[in-house]
Amino acid sequence: MTADEYKAALKSVLQVHTNAALERLNTIKQSLPPKARQVMVGIHPGQSEEGFFDIVVHLDGPDLYVLQKAIAPHRFLFEVKCIDGQMQPDVPMFDPDEAAFAVNDAIVDTCMEWVEGLWQRLGGVALPAFVFGEEGYGTVESKPLLP
């Protein structure tokens, strides 16, 4: 599988989960703690580059524990898990020694585009926001999220 084929396959999987992610974002938007100062959406790929990753909303401001707890049930916009030997959702997986491209960079780049589209549809949250790839993965470190 090439990088372009992988990105196309991943986009298809993410599209299936767009409405659920928008519902979570809207719930977060409606329940933002008053002390929240910024919203960060992190793309967190697994270090082994097998294809695991999570997309998680983080809040910034005073008392981070309280801020994250306020949105805890809705923070995960997307997560890849192995349940009973099956990938949920069914994203393409790789043997890290055989991938012909930087899997984590492809994950972050594709997911950043998806998050930007979600944010546009949401109309933002009236706070500064950006999307980032954990540990420097992706072709850009972060992008501002604009309504």
C-alpha atoms as a PDB file:
ATOM      1  CA  MET A   1       0.000   0.000   0.000  1.00  0.00           C
ATOM      2  CA  THR A   2       1.336   3.426  -0.926  1.00  0.00           C
ATOM      3  CA  ALA A   3       1.018   6.533   1.237  1.00  0.00           C
ATOM      4  CA  ASP A   4      -1.680   7.931  -1.067  1.00  0.00           C
ATOM      5  CA  GLU A   5      -3.661   4.669  -0.963  1.00  0.00           C
ATOM      6  CA  TYR A   6      -3.385   4.608   2.819  1.00  0.00           C
ATOM      7  CA  LYS A   7      -4.518   8.223   3.162  1.00  0.00           C
ATOM      8  CA  ALA A   8      -7.528   7.551   0.918  1.00  0.00           C
ATOM      9  CA  ALA A   9      -8.468   4.450   2.939  1.00  0.00           C
ATOM     10  CA  LEU A  10      -8.079   6.347   6.209  1.00  0.00           C
ATOM     11  CA  LYS A  11     -10.195   9.266   4.926  1.00  0.00           C
ATOM     12  CA  SER A  12     -12.971   6.798   4.111  1.00  0.00           C
ATOM     13  CA  VAL A  13     -12.901   5.369   7.635  1.00  0.00           C
ATOM     14  CA  LEU A  14     -12.855   8.831   9.217  1.00  0.00           C
ATOM     15  CA  GLN A  15     -15.812   9.981   7.084  1.00  0.00           C
ATOM     16  CA  VAL A  16     -17.951   7.206   8.564  1.00  0.00           C
ATOM     17  CA  HIS A  17     -17.278   8.684  12.025  1.00  0.00           C
ATOM     18  CA  THR A  18     -17.817  12.352  11.126  1.00  0.00           C
ATOM     19  CA  ASN A  19     -21.307  12.740  12.609  1.00  0.00           C
ATOM     20  CA  ALA A  20     -20.358  11.098  15.907  1.00  0.00           C
ATOM     21  CA  ALA A  21     -17.271  13.324  16.196  1.00  0.00           C
ATOM     22  CA  LEU A  22     -19.357  16.422  15.433  1.00  0.00           C
ATOM     23  CA  GLU A  23     -21.807  15.453  18.175  1.00  0.00           C
ATOM     24  CA  ARG A  24     -18.945  15.131  20.661  1.00  0.00           C
ATOM     25  CA  LEU A  25     -17.486  18.481  19.590  1.00  0.00           C
ATOM     26  CA  ASN A  26     -20.856  20.167  19.861  1.00  0.00           C
ATOM     27  CA  THR A  27     -21.342  18.757  23.357  1.00  0.00           C
ATOM     28  CA  ILE A  28     -17.891  20.069  24.322  1.00  0.00           C
ATOM     29  CA  LYS A  29     -18.760  23.457  22.818  1.00  0.00           C
ATOM     30  CA  GLN A  30     -21.957  23.634  24.882  1.00  0.00           C
ATOM     31  CA  SER A  31     -20.239  22.595  28.111  1.00  0.00           C
ATOM     32  CA  LEU A  32     -16.912  24.430  27.981  1.00  0.00           C
ATOM     33  CA  PRO A  33     -15.777  25.325  31.496  1.00  0.00           C
ATOM     34  CA  PRO A  34     -15.559  29.096  31.993  1.00  0.00           C
ATOM     35  CA  LYS A  35     -11.845  28.864  32.827  1.00  0.00           C
ATOM     36  CA  ALA A  36     -10.952  27.194  29.515  1.00  0.00           C
ATOM     37  CA  ARG A  37      -8.633  29.460  27.549  1.00  0.00           C
ATOM     38  CA  GLN A  38      -7.790  27.332  24.507  1.00  0.00           C
ATOM     39  CA  VAL A  39      -8.824  24.134  22.733  1.00  0.00           C
ATOM     40  CA  MET A  40      -6.234  21.768  21.328  1.00  0.00           C
ATOM     41  CA  VAL A  41      -7.102  18.732  19.242  1.00  0.00           C
ATOM     42  CA  GLY A  42      -4.285  16.209  19.349  1.00  0.00           C
ATOM     43  CA  ILE A  43      -3.575  13.454  16.866  1.00  0.00           C
ATOM     44  CA  HIS A  44      -1.822  10.784  18.924  1.00  0.00           C
ATOM     45  CA  PRO A  45      -0.324   8.017  16.755  1.00  0.00           C
ATOM     46  CA  GLY A  46       1.192   4.909  18.310  1.00  0.00           C
ATOM     47  CA  GLN A  47       4.974   4.907  18.518  1.00  0.00           C
ATOM     48  CA  SER A  48       5.347   1.593  16.697  1.00  0.00           C
ATOM     49  CA  GLU A  49       3.805   2.969  13.445  1.00  0.00           C
ATOM     50  CA  GLU A  50       1.427   0.017  13.117  1.00  0.00           C
ATOM     51  CA  GLY A  51      -1.591   2.237  12.455  1.00  0.00           C
ATOM     52  CA  PHE A  52      -2.993   2.812  15.946  1.00  0.00           C
ATOM     53  CA  PHE A  53      -3.975   6.381  16.838  1.00  0.00           C
ATOM     54  CA  ASP A  54      -6.388   8.530  18.824  1.00  0.00           C
ATOM     55  CA  ILE A  55      -7.819  11.979  18.182  1.00  0.00           C
ATOM     56  CA  VAL A  56      -8.371  13.728  21.509  1.00  0.00           C
ATOM     57  CA  VAL A  57      -9.636  17.165  22.569  1.00  0.00           C
ATOM     58  CA  HIS A  58      -7.548  18.916  25.238  1.00  0.00           C
ATOM     59  CA  LEU A  59      -8.406  22.140  27.037  1.00  0.00           C
ATOM     60  CA  ASP A  60      -5.864  24.634  28.327  1.00  0.00           C
ATOM     61  CA  GLY A  61      -6.264  27.032  31.224  1.00  0.00           C
ATOM     62  CA  PRO A  62      -5.916  27.000  34.999  1.00  0.00           C
ATOM     63  CA  ASP A  63      -6.420  23.646  36.779  1.00  0.00           C
ATOM     64  CA  LEU A  64      -5.983  21.298  33.821  1.00  0.00           C
ATOM     65  CA  TYR A  65      -7.379  18.313  35.722  1.00  0.00           C
ATOM     66  CA  VAL A  66     -10.717  20.048  36.282  1.00  0.00           C
ATOM     67  CA  LEU A  67     -10.855  21.250  32.668  1.00  0.00           C
ATOM     68  CA  GLN A  68     -10.194  17.801  31.188  1.00  0.00           C
ATOM     69  CA  LYS A  69     -12.614  16.147  33.615  1.00  0.00           C
ATOM     70  CA  ALA A  70     -15.402  18.520  32.512  1.00  0.00           C
ATOM     71  CA  ILE A  71     -15.219  17.165  28.952  1.00  0.00           C
ATOM     72  CA  ALA A  72     -13.972  13.640  29.747  1.00  0.00           C
ATOM     73  CA  PRO A  73     -16.901  11.665  28.281  1.00  0.00           C
ATOM     74  CA  HIS A  74     -16.580  13.511  24.954  1.00  0.00           C
ATOM     75  CA  ARG A  75     -12.814  14.071  24.526  1.00  0.00           C
ATOM     76  CA  PHE A  76     -12.095  11.130  22.217  1.00  0.00           C
ATOM     77  CA  LEU A  77     -13.237  12.062  18.719  1.00  0.00           C
ATOM     78  CA  PHE A  78     -11.739   8.889  17.267  1.00  0.00           C
ATOM     79  CA  GLU A  79      -9.778   5.987  18.708  1.00  0.00           C
ATOM     80  CA  VAL A  80      -8.401   2.778  17.279  1.00  0.00           C
ATOM     81  CA  LYS A  81      -8.556  -0.279  19.537  1.00  0.00           C
ATOM     82  CA  CYS A  82      -7.990  -3.992  19.145  1.00  0.00           C
ATOM     83  CA  ILE A  83     -11.069  -5.804  20.488  1.00  0.00           C
ATOM     84  CA  ASP A  84     -11.130  -9.604  20.399  1.00  0.00           C
ATOM     85  CA  GLY A  85      -8.362  -9.576  17.798  1.00  0.00           C
ATOM     86  CA  GLN A  86     -10.223  -7.169  15.470  1.00  0.00           C
ATOM     87  CA  MET A  87      -9.392  -3.547  14.777  1.00  0.00           C
ATOM     88  CA  GLN A  88     -12.185  -1.212  15.810  1.00  0.00           C
ATOM     89  CA  PRO A  89     -12.684   0.746  13.587  1.00  0.00           C
ATOM     90  CA  ASP A  90     -11.163  -1.255  10.780  1.00  0.00           C
ATOM     91  CA  VAL A  91      -8.250   0.998   9.772  1.00  0.00           C
ATOM     92  CA  PRO A  92      -5.361  -0.393   7.700  1.00  0.00           C
ATOM     93  CA  MET A  93      -2.599  -1.798   9.899  1.00  0.00           C
ATOM     94  CA  PHE A  94       1.094  -2.274   9.116  1.00  0.00           C
ATOM     95  CA  ASP A  95       4.096  -4.294  10.073  1.00  0.00           C
ATOM     96  CA  PRO A  96       6.336  -1.399  11.128  1.00  0.00           C
ATOM     97  CA  ASP A  97       9.332  -3.026   9.456  1.00  0.00           C
ATOM     98  CA  GLU A  98       7.576  -3.321   6.103  1.00  0.00           C
ATOM     99  CA  ALA A  99       5.791   0.026   5.663  1.00  0.00           C
ATOM    100  CA  ALA A 100       7.122   1.867   2.611  1.00  0.00           C
ATOM    101  CA  PHE A 101       6.284   5.292   4.046  1.00  0.00           C
ATOM    102  CA  ALA A 102       6.109   7.131   7.386  1.00  0.00           C
ATOM    103  CA  VAL A 103       2.791   5.785   8.649  1.00  0.00           C
ATOM    104  CA  ASN A 104       2.493   8.198  11.578  1.00  0.00           C
ATOM    105  CA  ASP A 105       3.111  11.214   9.355  1.00  0.00           C
ATOM    106  CA  ALA A 106       0.366  10.008   7.004  1.00  0.00           C
ATOM    107  CA  ILE A 107      -1.993   9.481   9.949  1.00  0.00           C
ATOM    108  CA  VAL A 108      -1.388  12.978  11.345  1.00  0.00           C
ATOM    109  CA  ASP A 109      -1.672  14.731   7.975  1.00  0.00           C
ATOM    110  CA  THR A 110      -4.908  12.928   7.087  1.00  0.00           C
ATOM    111  CA  CYS A 111      -6.448  13.412  10.517  1.00  0.00           C
ATOM    112  CA  MET A 112      -5.530  17.109  10.594  1.00  0.00           C
ATOM    113  CA  GLU A 113      -7.512  17.626   7.400  1.00  0.00           C
ATOM    114  CA  TRP A 114     -10.457  15.730   8.871  1.00  0.00           C
ATOM    115  CA  VAL A 115     -10.373  17.779  12.099  1.00  0.00           C
ATOM    116  CA  GLU A 116     -10.196  21.024  10.104  1.00  0.00           C
ATOM    117  CA  GLY A 117     -13.331  19.967   8.220  1.00  0.00           C
ATOM    118  CA  LEU A 118     -15.107  19.095  11.475  1.00  0.00           C
ATOM    119  CA  TRP A 119     -14.160  22.462  12.946  1.00  0.00           C
ATOM    120  CA  GLN A 120     -15.505  24.312   9.910  1.00  0.00           C
ATOM    121  CA  ARG A 121     -18.817  22.484  10.204  1.00  0.00           C
ATOM    122  CA  LEU A 122     -18.929  23.108  13.968  1.00  0.00           C
ATOM    123  CA  GLY A 123     -18.292  26.832  13.537  1.00  0.00           C
ATOM    124  CA  GLY A 124     -15.542  26.861  16.167  1.00  0.00           C
ATOM    125  CA  VAL A 125     -16.025  27.231  19.925  1.00  0.00           C
ATOM    126  CA  ALA A 126     -15.343  30.962  20.521  1.00  0.00           C
ATOM    127  CA  LEU A 127     -11.881  30.156  21.913  1.00  0.00           C
ATOM    128  CA  PRO A 128      -8.512  29.967  20.198  1.00  0.00           C
ATOM    129  CA  ALA A 129      -7.979  26.435  18.889  1.00  0.00           C
ATOM    130  CA  PHE A 130      -5.436  24.375  16.983  1.00  0.00           C
ATOM    131  CA  VAL A 131      -4.797  20.810  15.881  1.00  0.00           C
ATOM    132  CA  PHE A 132      -1.393  19.182  16.419  1.00  0.00           C
ATOM    133  CA  GLY A 133       0.441  15.945  15.814  1.00  0.00           C
ATOM    134  CA  GLU A 134       1.960  14.424  18.924  1.00  0.00           C
ATOM    135  CA  GLU A 135       5.751  14.133  19.074  1.00  0.00           C
ATOM    136  CA  GLY A 136       6.245  16.132  15.880  1.00  0.00           C
ATOM    137  CA  TYR A 137       4.541  13.663  13.556  1.00  0.00           C
ATOM    138  CA  GLY A 138       3.035  15.091  10.374  1.00  0.00           C
ATOM    139  CA  THR A 139       4.393  17.455   7.775  1.00  0.00           C
ATOM    140  CA  VAL A 140       3.397  20.469   9.902  1.00  0.00           C
ATOM    141  CA  GLU A 141       3.637  20.723  13.688  1.00  0.00           C
ATOM    142  CA  SER A 142       0.227  22.327  14.206  1.00  0.00           C
ATOM    143  CA  LYS A 143      -2.504  24.270  12.435  1.00  0.00           C
ATOM    144  CA  PRO A 144      -4.920  26.872  13.778  1.00  0.00           C
ATOM    145  CA  LEU A 145      -8.556  25.816  13.689  1.00  0.00           C
ATOM    146  CA  LEU A 146     -10.735  28.525  12.230  1.00  0.00           C
ATOM    147  CA  PRO A 147     -14.540  28.537  12.106  1.00  0.00           C
END
